[in-house]
Protein backbone atom coordinates (compact mmCIF):
# COMPACT_ATOMS: atom_id res chain seq x y z
CA MET A 1 -14.47 -18.35 -15.68
CA ALA A 2 -12.43 -15.71 -13.88
CA ILE A 3 -13.74 -12.24 -14.59
CA GLN A 4 -10.30 -11.13 -15.79
CA SER A 5 -6.79 -12.54 -15.92
CA PHE A 6 -3.36 -11.41 -17.00
CA THR A 7 0.26 -12.57 -16.96
CA PHE A 8 3.32 -10.38 -16.54
CA THR A 9 6.87 -11.64 -17.12
CA ALA A 10 10.25 -9.90 -16.95
CA ALA A 11 13.52 -11.83 -17.05
CA THR A 12 16.00 -9.06 -16.25
CA GLU A 13 16.17 -5.58 -14.77
CA THR A 14 16.96 -4.18 -18.22
CA ASP A 15 13.91 -5.57 -19.97
CA GLY A 16 11.32 -5.41 -17.25
CA PHE A 17 11.82 -3.69 -13.91
CA ASP A 18 10.13 -0.46 -15.01
CA GLY A 19 7.16 -2.49 -16.18
CA TYR A 20 7.01 -4.41 -12.92
CA ARG A 21 7.19 -1.20 -10.92
CA ALA A 22 4.34 0.21 -13.04
CA LEU A 23 2.34 -2.95 -12.38
CA TYR A 24 2.39 -2.31 -8.62
CA ALA A 25 2.44 1.49 -8.72
CA SER A 26 -1.13 1.78 -7.43
CA GLY A 27 -0.37 -0.07 -4.22
CA ALA A 28 3.32 -0.09 -3.31
CA ASP A 29 6.67 1.60 -3.72
CA VAL A 30 8.84 -1.01 -5.45
CA ALA A 31 12.64 -1.12 -5.32
CA LEU A 32 15.39 -3.45 -6.43
CA THR A 33 17.48 -5.38 -3.91
CA ASP A 34 21.03 -6.66 -4.34
CA ALA A 35 19.78 -9.98 -5.75
CA PRO A 36 19.26 -10.51 -9.51
CA PHE A 37 15.83 -9.30 -10.65
CA ASN A 38 13.17 -11.38 -12.36
CA ALA A 39 9.40 -11.47 -12.12
CA HIS A 40 6.53 -13.65 -13.25
CA VAL A 41 2.97 -12.84 -12.13
CA GLU A 42 -0.19 -14.74 -13.01
CA ALA A 43 -3.27 -12.88 -11.81
CA HIS A 44 -6.98 -13.68 -11.64
CA ARG A 45 -9.94 -11.67 -10.42
CA PHE A 46 -13.07 -13.12 -8.82
CA GLY A 47 -15.27 -10.22 -7.74
CA ARG A 48 -14.27 -9.44 -4.15
CA MET A 49 -11.20 -11.69 -4.26
CA ASN A 50 -7.99 -11.47 -6.32
CA VAL A 51 -5.48 -14.30 -6.69
CA PHE A 52 -1.82 -13.98 -7.69
CA GLU A 53 0.75 -16.68 -8.30
CA ARG A 54 4.19 -15.05 -8.37
CA ALA A 55 7.83 -15.96 -8.89
CA LEU A 56 9.92 -12.96 -7.82
CA SER A 57 13.54 -12.17 -7.12
CA GLY A 58 15.43 -9.02 -6.22
CA ILE A 59 12.26 -7.10 -5.23
CA GLU A 60 11.14 -5.05 -2.25
CA HIS A 61 7.57 -3.77 -1.81
CA ARG A 62 6.95 -1.00 0.71
CA ARG A 63 3.81 0.78 1.94
CA ASP A 64 4.64 3.57 4.38
CA ARG A 65 2.10 5.82 6.10
CA THR A 66 2.05 8.30 3.26
CA ARG A 67 1.36 5.57 0.71
CA VAL A 68 -1.34 3.98 2.88
CA ARG A 69 -3.09 7.32 3.31
CA ARG A 70 -2.83 8.21 -0.39
CA ASP A 71 -4.05 4.86 -1.75
CA GLY A 72 -6.98 4.41 0.59
CA PHE A 73 -6.91 0.60 0.21
CA ASP A 74 -8.61 -1.26 3.04
CA HIS A 75 -8.57 -4.93 2.01
CA PHE A 76 -6.54 -7.82 3.45
CA THR A 77 -3.94 -10.02 1.78
CA LEU A 78 -2.74 -13.50 2.65
CA GLN A 79 0.73 -14.32 1.32
CA TYR A 80 1.78 -17.97 1.19
CA LEU A 81 5.48 -18.73 0.66
CA ARG A 82 6.05 -21.87 -1.36
CA SER A 83 9.82 -21.58 -1.68
CA GLY A 84 12.67 -19.09 -1.55
CA THR A 85 13.45 -16.16 0.71
CA PHE A 86 10.76 -13.83 2.02
CA TYR A 87 11.05 -11.16 4.69
CA GLY A 88 7.80 -9.41 5.55
CA GLY A 89 5.68 -7.76 8.19
CA ALA A 90 4.64 -4.45 9.64
CA LEU A 91 7.05 -1.72 8.55
CA ASP A 92 10.36 -2.05 10.44
CA ALA A 93 9.13 -5.21 12.16
CA GLU A 94 9.69 -7.68 9.32
CA ARG A 95 10.30 -11.36 9.95
CA ARG A 96 11.74 -14.11 7.80
CA LEU A 97 9.21 -16.64 6.59
CA THR A 98 10.08 -20.25 5.92
CA PRO A 99 8.49 -22.19 3.04
CA GLY A 100 4.97 -23.15 4.04
CA ASP A 101 4.41 -20.01 6.11
CA ILE A 102 1.48 -17.65 5.54
CA ILE A 103 1.46 -14.01 6.64
CA LEU A 104 -1.57 -11.72 6.98
CA PHE A 105 -1.51 -8.07 5.94
CA ASP A 106 -4.06 -5.32 6.57
CA LEU A 107 -3.64 -2.81 3.72
CA THR A 108 -4.70 0.08 5.97
CA ARG A 109 -1.39 -0.28 7.85
CA PRO A 110 2.25 0.16 6.78
CA GLN A 111 4.16 -2.91 5.66
CA ARG A 112 7.19 -4.13 3.77
CA THR A 113 8.13 -7.35 1.96
CA ARG A 114 11.44 -8.42 0.43
CA LEU A 115 11.63 -11.41 -1.91
CA ASP A 116 14.58 -13.28 -3.42
CA ALA A 117 14.08 -16.36 -5.60
CA ALA A 118 10.64 -16.67 -4.00
CA ARG A 119 7.52 -18.42 -5.24
CA THR A 120 4.34 -17.22 -3.56
CA VAL A 121 0.57 -17.32 -3.77
CA THR A 122 -1.20 -14.14 -2.70
CA VAL A 123 -4.94 -13.82 -2.13
CA SER A 124 -6.47 -10.36 -1.68
CA LEU A 125 -9.83 -10.32 0.08
CA ALA A 126 -12.32 -7.49 0.65
CA ARG A 127 -12.50 -6.39 4.27
CA GLU A 128 -16.15 -7.33 4.71
CA LEU A 129 -15.43 -10.93 3.65
CA VAL A 130 -12.61 -11.31 6.18
CA GLU A 131 -14.29 -9.50 9.06
CA ALA A 132 -17.51 -11.48 8.62
CA ALA A 133 -15.53 -14.51 9.83
CA ALA A 134 -12.77 -12.78 11.85
CA PRO A 135 -13.95 -9.35 13.08
CA ASP A 136 -10.62 -8.51 14.76
CA ALA A 137 -8.40 -9.65 11.88
CA GLY A 138 -6.72 -6.24 11.72
CA ARG A 139 -5.07 -6.89 15.10
CA TYR A 140 -2.95 -9.60 13.46
CA HIS A 141 -1.41 -7.42 10.76
CA GLY A 142 2.05 -8.69 9.85
CA GLN A 143 1.77 -11.90 11.86
CA ILE A 144 2.68 -15.36 10.60
CA LEU A 145 -0.11 -17.91 10.99
CA PRO A 146 0.36 -21.02 13.15
CA GLU A 147 1.98 -23.94 11.36
CA ALA A 148 -0.81 -26.28 12.43
CA VAL A 149 -3.35 -24.53 10.22
CA SER A 150 -1.20 -22.78 7.63
CA GLY A 151 -0.80 -26.08 5.76
CA LEU A 152 -4.54 -26.42 5.14
CA LEU A 153 -4.88 -22.79 4.19
CA GLY A 154 -1.81 -22.96 1.93
CA ASP A 155 -3.17 -26.03 0.17
CA LEU A 156 -6.43 -24.21 -0.52
CA MET A 157 -4.64 -21.09 -1.76
CA GLY A 158 -2.37 -23.14 -4.00
CA SER A 159 -5.30 -25.10 -5.42
CA LEU A 160 -7.18 -21.88 -6.13
CA ALA A 161 -4.19 -20.47 -8.01
CA ARG A 162 -3.76 -23.64 -10.07
CA ARG A 163 -7.44 -23.96 -10.97
CA ALA A 164 -8.25 -20.25 -11.30
CA ALA A 165 -8.82 -20.35 -15.05
CA ALA A 166 -11.52 -23.01 -14.64
CA ALA A 167 -13.25 -21.51 -11.59
CA THR A 168 -16.80 -20.17 -11.73
CA PRO A 169 -18.15 -17.23 -9.72
CA GLU A 170 -20.01 -19.74 -7.53
CA THR A 171 -16.94 -21.83 -6.71
CA ALA A 172 -14.89 -18.67 -6.19
CA ALA A 173 -17.42 -17.38 -3.66
CA SER A 174 -17.47 -20.66 -1.75
CA THR A 175 -13.66 -20.79 -1.80
CA ALA A 176 -13.49 -17.26 -0.39
CA ARG A 177 -15.78 -18.31 2.46
CA ALA A 178 -13.63 -21.38 3.12
CA LEU A 179 -10.48 -19.25 3.14
CA THR A 180 -11.92 -16.79 5.64
CA GLU A 181 -13.24 -19.56 7.89
CA LEU A 182 -9.81 -21.23 7.94
CA LEU A 183 -8.22 -17.85 8.62
CA ALA A 184 -10.60 -17.22 11.52
CA GLY A 185 -9.69 -20.63 12.95
CA ALA A 186 -5.99 -19.82 12.65
CA LEU A 187 -6.35 -16.45 14.35
CA GLY A 188 -8.31 -18.07 17.16
CA GLN A 189 -5.21 -20.10 18.05
CA ILE A 190 -2.87 -17.15 18.55
CA LYS A 191 -2.82 -13.92 20.48
CA PRO A 192 -1.70 -10.69 18.88
CA ASP A 193 1.71 -9.95 20.38
CA ASP A 194 2.13 -6.95 22.64
CA GLU A 195 4.14 -5.13 20.00
CA ALA A 196 1.40 -5.59 17.40
CA ALA A 197 -1.33 -4.52 19.81
CA GLY A 198 0.66 -1.45 20.81
CA ALA A 199 1.29 -0.60 17.17
CA LEU A 200 -2.44 -0.81 16.43
CA ILE A 201 -3.26 1.62 19.25
CA ALA A 202 -0.54 3.98 18.02
CA ASP A 203 -1.95 3.69 14.49
CA LEU A 204 -5.43 4.66 15.66
CA ARG A 205 -4.10 7.65 17.57
CA ARG A 206 -2.01 8.81 14.65
CA ARG A 207 -4.97 8.50 12.29
CA ARG A 208 -7.01 10.67 14.65
CA ALA A 209 -4.27 13.30 14.60
CA GLU A 210 -3.90 13.05 10.81
CA ALA A 211 -7.66 13.51 10.32
CA PHE A 212 -7.54 16.65 12.47
CA ILE A 213 -4.60 17.97 10.41
CA GLU A 214 -6.29 17.19 7.08
CA ALA A 215 -9.34 19.24 8.04
CA ARG A 216 -7.21 22.27 8.92
CA LEU A 217 -4.34 22.29 6.43
CA HIS A 218 -5.55 25.61 5.04
CA ASP A 219 -4.96 27.31 8.42
CA PRO A 220 -1.45 28.88 8.57
CA GLY A 221 -1.70 28.85 12.38
CA LEU A 222 -1.89 25.06 12.55
CA ASP A 223 0.86 23.92 14.93
CA VAL A 224 1.79 21.16 17.36
CA MET A 225 -0.25 22.52 20.26
CA THR A 226 -3.35 22.91 18.08
CA VAL A 227 -3.04 19.33 16.83
CA ALA A 228 -2.40 17.94 20.31
CA ARG A 229 -5.53 19.64 21.67
CA GLY A 230 -7.64 18.65 18.67
CA ALA A 231 -6.56 15.00 18.78
CA ALA A 232 -6.79 14.81 22.61
CA LEU A 233 -3.13 13.84 22.95
CA SER A 234 -0.27 15.18 25.01
CA ARG A 235 2.54 16.93 23.13
CA SER A 236 4.97 14.15 24.04
CA ALA A 237 2.59 11.43 22.77
CA LEU A 238 2.06 13.38 19.57
CA TYR A 239 5.80 13.77 19.05
CA ARG A 240 6.33 10.01 19.49
CA LEU A 241 3.64 9.18 16.94
CA PHE A 242 5.14 11.42 14.25
CA GLU A 243 8.83 10.99 15.08
CA PRO A 244 9.38 8.13 12.55
CA THR A 245 8.29 10.44 9.69
CA GLY A 246 10.16 13.56 10.75
CA GLY A 247 7.74 15.14 13.21
CA VAL A 248 4.39 16.90 13.22
CA ALA A 249 5.55 20.06 11.45
CA GLN A 250 7.18 18.02 8.69
CA HIS A 251 3.97 16.03 8.23
CA ILE A 252 1.90 19.23 7.94
CA LEU A 253 4.36 20.63 5.39
CA ALA A 254 4.40 17.42 3.37
CA ARG A 255 0.60 17.26 3.22
CA ARG A 256 0.33 20.90 2.15
CA LEU A 257 2.86 20.27 -0.61
CA GLU A 258 1.02 17.13 -1.76
CA ARG A 259 -2.28 19.02 -1.96
CA LEU A 260 -0.66 21.96 -3.73
CA SER A 261 1.01 19.69 -6.29
CA ALA A 262 -2.35 18.02 -7.00
CA ALA A 263 -3.94 21.44 -7.57
CA LEU A 264 -1.11 22.46 -9.91
CA ARG A 265 -1.59 19.29 -11.97
CA ASN A 266 -5.33 19.85 -12.27
CA PRO A 267 -6.11 21.50 -15.64
CA ALA A 268 -9.39 22.84 -14.25
CA GLU A 269 -7.63 24.73 -11.43
CA GLY A 270 -7.40 28.39 -12.46
CA ARG A 271 -6.21 30.11 -9.27
CA SER A 272 -2.88 31.92 -9.39
CA ILE A 273 0.23 30.54 -7.70
CA THR A 274 0.00 33.25 -5.04
CA THR A 275 -3.63 32.45 -4.26
CA LEU A 276 -2.95 28.71 -4.17
CA THR A 277 0.00 29.29 -1.84
CA PHE A 278 -2.09 31.02 0.80
CA ASP A 279 -5.15 28.85 0.25
CA HIS A 280 -3.02 25.82 1.13
CA GLY A 281 -1.92 27.24 4.46
CA PHE A 282 1.54 28.61 3.64
CA ALA A 283 2.48 31.78 5.51
CA SER A 284 4.57 33.17 2.64
CA GLU A 285 5.09 32.60 -1.06
CA SER A 286 8.88 32.42 -0.70
CA HIS A 287 8.70 29.70 1.95
CA CYS A 288 6.27 27.73 -0.20
CA SER A 289 8.48 28.04 -3.27
CA ARG A 290 11.62 26.87 -1.43
CA ALA A 291 9.83 23.90 0.13
CA PHE A 292 8.13 22.96 -3.13
CA ARG A 293 11.38 23.09 -5.10
CA GLY A 294 13.11 20.99 -2.43
CA THR A 295 10.45 18.28 -2.74
CA PHE A 296 9.56 18.30 -6.45
CA GLY A 297 12.71 19.78 -7.99
CA LEU A 298 10.88 22.70 -9.62
CA PRO A 299 9.24 25.91 -8.36
CA PRO A 300 5.42 25.81 -8.38
CA GLY A 301 4.92 27.85 -11.56
CA ARG A 302 7.28 25.76 -13.65
CA TYR A 303 5.91 22.55 -12.14
CA ARG A 304 2.41 23.56 -13.24
CA ALA A 305 3.63 24.24 -16.79
CA GLU A 306 5.55 20.95 -17.01
CA MET A 307 2.68 18.86 -15.66
CA ARG A 308 -0.01 20.40 -17.83
CA HIS A 309 2.02 20.72 -21.02
CA PRO A 310 4.66 17.95 -21.11
CA ARG A 311 7.22 18.14 -23.84
CA ALA A 312 6.45 16.23 -27.00
CA GLY A 313 7.89 12.75 -26.96
CA SER A 314 8.67 12.74 -23.26
CA ARG A 315 6.17 9.96 -22.66
CA GLY A 316 7.52 7.52 -25.22
CA GLU A 317 6.11 4.01 -25.67
CA PRO A 318 3.98 2.43 -22.92
CA LEU A 319 5.92 0.42 -20.37
CA PRO A 320 5.57 -3.38 -20.58
CA GLY A 321 3.44 -3.54 -17.44
CA GLU A 322 1.18 -0.56 -18.04
CA SER A 323 -1.87 -2.33 -19.49
CA ALA A 324 -1.72 -4.92 -16.71
CA ALA A 325 -1.13 -2.10 -14.24
CA SER A 326 -4.48 -0.53 -15.09
CA LEU A 327 -6.16 -3.86 -14.35
CA MET A 328 -4.21 -4.27 -11.11
CA SER A 329 -5.24 -0.81 -9.93
CA ALA A 330 -8.89 -1.38 -10.82
CA TRP A 331 -8.92 -4.77 -9.10
CA SER A 332 -7.43 -3.41 -5.88
CA ARG A 333 -9.81 -0.47 -5.80
CA GLY A 334 -12.67 -2.86 -6.47
CA LEU A 335 -11.99 -4.49 -3.10
CA THR A 336 -12.36 -1.21 -1.21
């Protein structure tokens, strides 16, 4: 038997979008499109592989750099379109799939999908399973697999979804191996396009710069020149890498604010607002307060009070997708 399973259904935006958004909150920013919303998700977990059969409409899923960094997911997903409309790919490089197509995603990289009246099968696989068969699979992030092999792979994915409730851990493991072997065969028939290869190099460089920034966020003197030297990049290359998200200085500010907000939410954190301000690299308390209010809508002191002592009744009843959402989050983190 599958280790765990659940089903989520929502017929309209009114009765279910908040629940659906909660379901995917651990891994994507979810938004409505102009199309009518509905969602049906059947999910099964098999150790290092998760299987989802979905009927979705009016939905967009987005993972930008901030989301990717915050979640820390590093598994792969294969998404097989059975019918309907599906746009997907690396962020801002989406393509339209046709029924029968399969697209590969590396969760360590930004992506976006948009689905209208679509029926899909999604298989999430731990990185070590995929890279055992296809060590360079990450180079093909956001690419559609060749039609010659996507049919075989789609048939296997569809069969796994249909028979998930009757599968054993042994058959699930052998199916995962078969999936990854078919995937490796598919990737062997295509070359990563120049745009994808260039994006991967840019991703690696940006991660190097982000790691340097993360280690020095507490330093109020952290600036563009310091980051460029530390990441072994020219200023112009560094500017290009961070331009899509507002620039290097904006990234540093956003990360300081994210860390400060986490500290303010932590009930065990006893430092004063002033101390936290300077400990997080801000040069002045007034600058920190203005920036924090602009991002979170409240000054730091009031934010701390609201987060630690929410008003009675503000939570209300659990959303329809919240119990399933806890499973979804645990399953995804179990692949990392």
